[in-house]
Amino acid sequence: MAPCFSSISLCMLVLVQVRSLMVASAGRIDQDFDIAWGDGRGKMLDNGELLTLSLDGTSGSGFQSKNEYLFGKIDMQIKLVPGNSAGTVTAYYLSSQGSTHDEIDYEFLGNLTGEPYTLHTNVYTQGKGEREQQFHLWFDPTADFHTYSILWSPQTIVFSVDGTPVREFKNMEPNGIPFPRKQAMRLYSSIWNADQWATRGGLIKTDWNQAPFTASYRNFKVDPWQSGHGALLDSASQGKMKWVQKNYMIYNYCTDSKRFPQGFPPECSAAA
């Protein structure tokens, strides 16, 4: 690769983009991730093709990607904690570092046996989040693996489950709304105890007799973004997303007037 002779910031951006293209991959999960914490509660199994994270009464655990990514489509198959997982949170997200970090979040809030998991989503730009949307899943996410995807391009962020989009956060910078497009991010996941708030606002506590709580991961895949790809959702995909939001959305910050008595955030009404 030829050396950079322009500004340092532009040079670093080019290097990050090249790195994201070089690491497009699918296969053994141990080639893409490191166990970051947990004192042995995170494990690589099946010759590096399966990763598990566990939570017990002492600690949770987590992993992070070896590489950083700047745009692309990221898929991970996840099987969530079965049984009574109330009080636990399994987080799966992209994030940069620092006080003005960007972040694209999935969080899976555990449940009592027989009740639906809550899929919690959020987008941070320049250190500010508070853009939560929550859904109930239309299947049992503990019975088998399902694919949770993040499509991140300069135009949009799309959250999808098994190929069905559930949320889109468009780039509305012309309306003065920040969008994460300058900071490369790593992919992280962790499992931890959040029974002070996670299940029915903290009313239901973690039953440690059910521990350890274990989530499983496999078939990680990255497709690099290419100029001209990753545009806004087409009409068919928009229809699928509207179906999910009509039938399974349980919280939308853009309709929470108690939380925003002075008016909703500008992206709630801005035209893309």
Protein backbone atom coordinates (compact mmCIF):
# COMPACT_ATOMS: atom_id res chain seq x y z
CA MET A 1 0.00 0.00 0.00
CA ALA A 2 1.33 3.44 -0.93
CA PRO A 3 2.21 5.75 1.96
CA CYS A 4 -0.16 8.60 2.91
CA PHE A 5 1.09 12.10 2.28
CA SER A 6 -2.09 13.98 3.18
CA SER A 7 -3.34 14.96 6.63
CA ILE A 8 -2.95 12.49 9.49
CA SER A 9 -6.72 12.31 10.07
CA LEU A 10 -7.45 11.51 6.43
CA CYS A 11 -4.61 9.00 6.34
CA MET A 12 -5.99 7.20 9.38
CA LEU A 13 -9.46 7.10 7.83
CA VAL A 14 -8.07 5.49 4.69
CA LEU A 15 -6.13 2.94 6.74
CA VAL A 16 -9.23 2.01 8.72
CA GLN A 17 -11.28 1.61 5.55
CA VAL A 18 -8.63 -0.63 4.03
CA ARG A 19 -8.47 -2.70 7.20
CA SER A 20 -12.24 -3.16 7.17
CA LEU A 21 -12.08 -4.45 3.59
CA MET A 22 -9.22 -6.81 4.32
CA VAL A 23 -10.99 -8.52 7.22
CA ALA A 24 -14.19 -9.44 5.40
CA SER A 25 -14.63 -12.97 6.66
CA ALA A 26 -16.83 -15.84 7.71
CA GLY A 27 -15.71 -18.97 9.49
CA ARG A 28 -14.00 -19.82 12.74
CA ILE A 29 -15.06 -17.34 15.36
CA ASP A 30 -11.75 -17.60 17.22
CA GLN A 31 -10.02 -15.96 14.25
CA ASP A 32 -12.10 -12.80 14.64
CA PHE A 33 -12.59 -12.42 18.40
CA ASP A 34 -10.77 -12.44 21.73
CA ILE A 35 -12.33 -13.22 25.10
CA ALA A 36 -11.95 -9.84 26.82
CA TRP A 37 -12.96 -10.58 30.42
CA GLY A 38 -14.71 -13.08 32.66
CA ASP A 39 -11.98 -15.27 34.21
CA GLY A 40 -12.77 -18.32 32.10
CA ARG A 41 -16.53 -17.74 31.77
CA GLY A 42 -16.07 -17.02 28.07
CA LYS A 43 -15.10 -20.11 26.06
CA MET A 44 -14.10 -21.03 22.51
CA LEU A 45 -15.49 -24.47 21.62
CA ASP A 46 -15.88 -26.82 18.62
CA ASN A 47 -12.43 -26.08 17.21
CA GLY A 48 -13.02 -22.34 17.37
CA GLU A 49 -16.39 -22.34 15.59
CA LEU A 50 -18.51 -21.71 18.70
CA LEU A 51 -18.14 -19.08 21.42
CA THR A 52 -20.08 -19.05 24.70
CA LEU A 53 -20.39 -16.36 27.37
CA SER A 54 -21.62 -17.15 30.88
CA LEU A 55 -22.82 -15.23 33.92
CA ASP A 56 -22.81 -16.53 37.49
CA GLY A 57 -23.12 -14.94 40.91
CA THR A 58 -19.54 -13.71 40.79
CA SER A 59 -19.11 -12.28 37.30
CA GLY A 60 -20.28 -12.09 33.72
CA SER A 61 -18.03 -12.28 30.66
CA GLY A 62 -17.42 -10.64 27.32
CA PHE A 63 -15.54 -10.70 24.02
CA GLN A 64 -14.39 -8.17 21.44
CA SER A 65 -13.38 -8.27 17.80
CA LYS A 66 -9.72 -8.29 16.86
CA ASN A 67 -10.43 -5.73 14.13
CA GLU A 68 -12.18 -2.40 13.78
CA TYR A 69 -14.80 -1.75 11.11
CA LEU A 70 -15.89 1.39 9.28
CA PHE A 71 -19.17 0.53 7.53
CA GLY A 72 -20.27 -2.88 6.33
CA LYS A 73 -22.85 -5.55 7.12
CA ILE A 74 -22.18 -7.64 10.21
CA ASP A 75 -24.03 -10.89 10.93
CA MET A 76 -23.85 -13.05 14.04
CA GLN A 77 -25.88 -16.10 14.93
CA ILE A 78 -26.80 -16.03 18.62
CA LYS A 79 -28.71 -18.44 20.86
CA LEU A 80 -29.84 -16.63 23.98
CA VAL A 81 -29.99 -17.78 27.60
CA PRO A 82 -32.81 -20.34 28.00
CA GLY A 83 -35.27 -20.77 30.85
CA ASN A 84 -35.64 -18.17 33.57
CA SER A 85 -33.17 -15.51 32.45
CA ALA A 86 -34.90 -12.58 34.19
CA GLY A 87 -32.42 -9.93 35.31
CA THR A 88 -29.77 -10.84 32.77
CA VAL A 89 -28.73 -8.76 29.78
CA THR A 90 -26.86 -10.07 26.74
CA ALA A 91 -25.38 -7.11 24.86
CA TYR A 92 -24.15 -7.25 21.24
CA TYR A 93 -22.92 -3.97 19.79
CA LEU A 94 -20.49 -1.93 17.73
CA SER A 95 -18.63 0.82 19.58
CA SER A 96 -15.75 3.24 19.25
CA GLN A 97 -13.89 4.58 22.27
CA GLY A 98 -13.81 7.82 24.25
CA SER A 99 -16.30 10.32 25.64
CA THR A 100 -17.62 11.15 22.15
CA HIS A 101 -17.91 7.53 21.08
CA ASP A 102 -20.37 6.16 18.53
CA GLU A 103 -22.29 2.97 19.23
CA ILE A 104 -24.88 0.71 17.58
CA ASP A 105 -26.59 -1.52 20.15
CA TYR A 106 -28.55 -4.69 20.49
CA GLU A 107 -29.38 -5.69 24.06
CA PHE A 108 -31.42 -8.79 24.88
CA LEU A 109 -33.27 -8.43 28.18
CA GLY A 110 -33.95 -11.75 29.89
CA ASN A 111 -37.36 -13.05 30.89
CA LEU A 112 -39.26 -15.35 33.17
CA THR A 113 -39.77 -18.77 31.67
CA GLY A 114 -42.48 -18.63 29.03
CA GLU A 115 -42.45 -14.85 28.63
CA PRO A 116 -40.94 -13.09 25.60
CA TYR A 117 -37.45 -11.68 25.50
CA THR A 118 -37.17 -7.93 24.98
CA LEU A 119 -34.94 -6.83 22.08
CA HIS A 120 -33.56 -3.39 23.01
CA THR A 121 -31.89 -1.21 20.34
CA ASN A 122 -30.08 2.10 20.57
CA VAL A 123 -27.83 4.38 18.50
CA TYR A 124 -25.16 6.66 20.00
CA THR A 125 -23.53 9.51 18.12
CA GLN A 126 -20.76 11.64 19.60
CA GLY A 127 -21.36 10.15 23.02
CA LYS A 128 -25.12 10.73 23.09
CA GLY A 129 -27.67 7.93 22.95
CA GLU A 130 -31.25 8.01 24.28
CA ARG A 131 -32.63 6.65 21.00
CA GLU A 132 -34.13 3.44 22.34
CA GLN A 133 -36.62 1.23 20.54
CA GLN A 134 -37.72 -2.10 22.00
CA PHE A 135 -39.42 -5.12 20.50
CA HIS A 136 -40.69 -8.54 21.47
CA LEU A 137 -39.35 -11.24 19.20
CA TRP A 138 -41.83 -13.34 17.20
CA PHE A 139 -40.00 -16.60 18.00
CA ASP A 140 -38.21 -18.26 20.91
CA PRO A 141 -34.63 -16.93 20.66
CA THR A 142 -33.39 -19.54 23.13
CA ALA A 143 -34.47 -22.66 21.20
CA ASP A 144 -32.06 -22.23 18.31
CA PHE A 145 -29.60 -19.82 16.72
CA HIS A 146 -30.94 -16.74 14.92
CA THR A 147 -29.06 -14.17 12.87
CA TYR A 148 -28.82 -10.62 14.22
CA SER A 149 -27.43 -8.15 11.68
CA ILE A 150 -26.22 -4.57 11.58
CA LEU A 151 -26.00 -2.86 8.20
CA TRP A 152 -23.97 0.32 8.63
CA SER A 153 -23.37 2.57 5.63
CA PRO A 154 -22.86 6.33 5.22
CA GLN A 155 -26.59 6.59 4.43
CA THR A 156 -28.24 4.44 7.08
CA ILE A 157 -28.11 1.94 9.95
CA VAL A 158 -30.44 -1.05 9.71
CA PHE A 159 -31.07 -3.58 12.49
CA SER A 160 -32.30 -6.93 11.12
CA VAL A 161 -33.32 -10.27 12.61
CA ASP A 162 -33.10 -13.32 10.32
CA GLY A 163 -33.07 -10.93 7.38
CA THR A 164 -36.16 -9.00 8.50
CA PRO A 165 -35.43 -5.33 9.23
CA VAL A 166 -36.81 -4.12 12.56
CA ARG A 167 -35.35 -0.61 12.68
CA GLU A 168 -33.69 1.94 10.43
CA PHE A 169 -31.77 5.02 11.57
CA LYS A 170 -31.13 7.24 8.56
CA ASN A 171 -28.36 9.77 8.05
CA MET A 172 -30.08 13.13 8.55
CA GLU A 173 -26.98 15.30 8.88
CA PRO A 174 -28.49 17.92 6.52
CA ASN A 175 -31.06 18.47 9.29
CA GLY A 176 -28.31 18.99 11.87
CA ILE A 177 -28.65 15.49 13.35
CA PRO A 178 -25.31 13.72 14.01
CA PHE A 179 -24.71 10.36 12.35
CA PRO A 180 -21.93 7.86 13.15
CA ARG A 181 -19.71 7.82 10.07
CA LYS A 182 -16.21 8.95 11.11
CA GLN A 183 -15.17 6.62 13.93
CA ALA A 184 -14.25 3.00 13.33
CA MET A 185 -15.82 0.57 15.78
CA ARG A 186 -15.10 -2.84 17.25
CA LEU A 187 -17.77 -5.45 17.79
CA TYR A 188 -18.39 -6.42 21.40
CA SER A 189 -20.66 -8.76 23.31
CA SER A 190 -21.14 -9.37 27.00
CA ILE A 191 -23.51 -10.97 29.47
CA TRP A 192 -24.10 -9.31 32.82
CA ASN A 193 -26.53 -8.90 35.70
CA ALA A 194 -28.89 -5.92 35.41
CA ASP A 195 -31.70 -6.93 37.72
CA GLN A 196 -31.88 -3.40 39.11
CA TRP A 197 -33.62 -2.32 35.88
CA ALA A 198 -33.77 -4.97 33.15
CA THR A 199 -36.90 -7.06 33.83
CA ARG A 200 -40.10 -5.07 34.42
CA GLY A 201 -38.04 -2.10 35.55
CA GLY A 202 -36.14 -4.13 38.12
CA LEU A 203 -39.20 -5.67 39.82
CA ILE A 204 -38.03 -9.20 39.00
CA LYS A 205 -34.61 -10.17 40.32
CA THR A 206 -32.09 -12.67 39.00
CA ASP A 207 -32.63 -16.21 40.30
CA TRP A 208 -29.07 -17.32 40.92
CA ASN A 209 -30.25 -20.89 41.39
CA GLN A 210 -30.55 -20.92 37.59
CA ALA A 211 -26.90 -19.91 37.07
CA PRO A 212 -24.75 -20.16 35.11
CA PHE A 213 -26.62 -18.26 32.39
CA THR A 214 -25.05 -18.95 28.99
CA ALA A 215 -25.41 -17.35 25.53
CA SER A 216 -23.85 -18.94 22.43
CA TYR A 217 -22.42 -17.42 19.23
CA ARG A 218 -21.41 -18.78 15.84
CA ASN A 219 -21.16 -17.98 12.10
CA PHE A 220 -19.86 -14.42 12.34
CA LYS A 221 -19.69 -12.76 8.94
CA VAL A 222 -18.59 -9.34 7.67
CA ASP A 223 -19.41 -7.96 4.24
CA PRO A 224 -17.55 -4.70 3.55
CA TRP A 225 -19.49 -1.67 2.44
CA GLN A 226 -18.94 -0.57 -1.14
CA SER A 227 -19.77 2.80 -2.62
CA GLY A 228 -23.25 2.69 -4.09
CA HIS A 229 -24.39 -0.15 -1.83
CA GLY A 230 -26.16 0.05 1.51
CA ALA A 231 -28.66 2.67 0.43
CA LEU A 232 -31.99 3.11 2.18
CA LEU A 233 -34.40 0.19 2.46
CA ASP A 234 -36.47 -0.69 -0.61
CA SER A 235 -40.27 -0.78 -0.48
CA ALA A 236 -40.47 -4.52 0.25
CA SER A 237 -38.07 -4.22 3.17
CA GLN A 238 -39.91 -1.14 4.42
CA GLY A 239 -43.09 -3.21 4.42
CA LYS A 240 -41.48 -5.96 6.51
CA MET A 241 -40.15 -3.40 8.98
CA LYS A 242 -43.57 -1.75 9.33
CA TRP A 243 -45.08 -5.18 10.05
CA VAL A 244 -42.57 -5.76 12.86
CA GLN A 245 -43.05 -2.29 14.30
CA LYS A 246 -46.85 -2.56 14.20
CA ASN A 247 -47.02 -5.98 15.82
CA TYR A 248 -43.94 -6.29 18.04
CA MET A 249 -42.64 -2.84 19.00
CA ILE A 250 -43.21 -2.20 22.72
CA TYR A 251 -41.28 1.07 23.16
CA ASN A 252 -40.31 3.96 20.88
CA TYR A 253 -38.53 7.00 22.26
CA CYS A 254 -40.13 9.06 19.50
CA THR A 255 -43.57 8.59 21.07
CA ASP A 256 -42.59 8.96 24.75
CA SER A 257 -44.04 12.38 25.54
CA LYS A 258 -43.43 11.98 29.28
CA ARG A 259 -39.73 11.59 28.64
CA PHE A 260 -39.58 14.53 26.22
CA PRO A 261 -42.11 17.08 27.51
CA GLN A 262 -40.38 19.90 25.63
CA GLY A 263 -40.65 18.09 22.31
CA PHE A 264 -39.29 14.98 20.67
CA PRO A 265 -35.69 14.72 19.36
CA PRO A 266 -35.39 16.26 15.87
CA GLU A 267 -34.81 12.97 14.05
CA CYS A 268 -38.30 11.83 15.09
CA SER A 269 -39.91 14.28 12.68
CA ALA A 270 -37.11 15.24 10.27
CA ALA A 271 -37.45 14.18 6.66
CA ALA A 272 -34.54 12.08 5.41
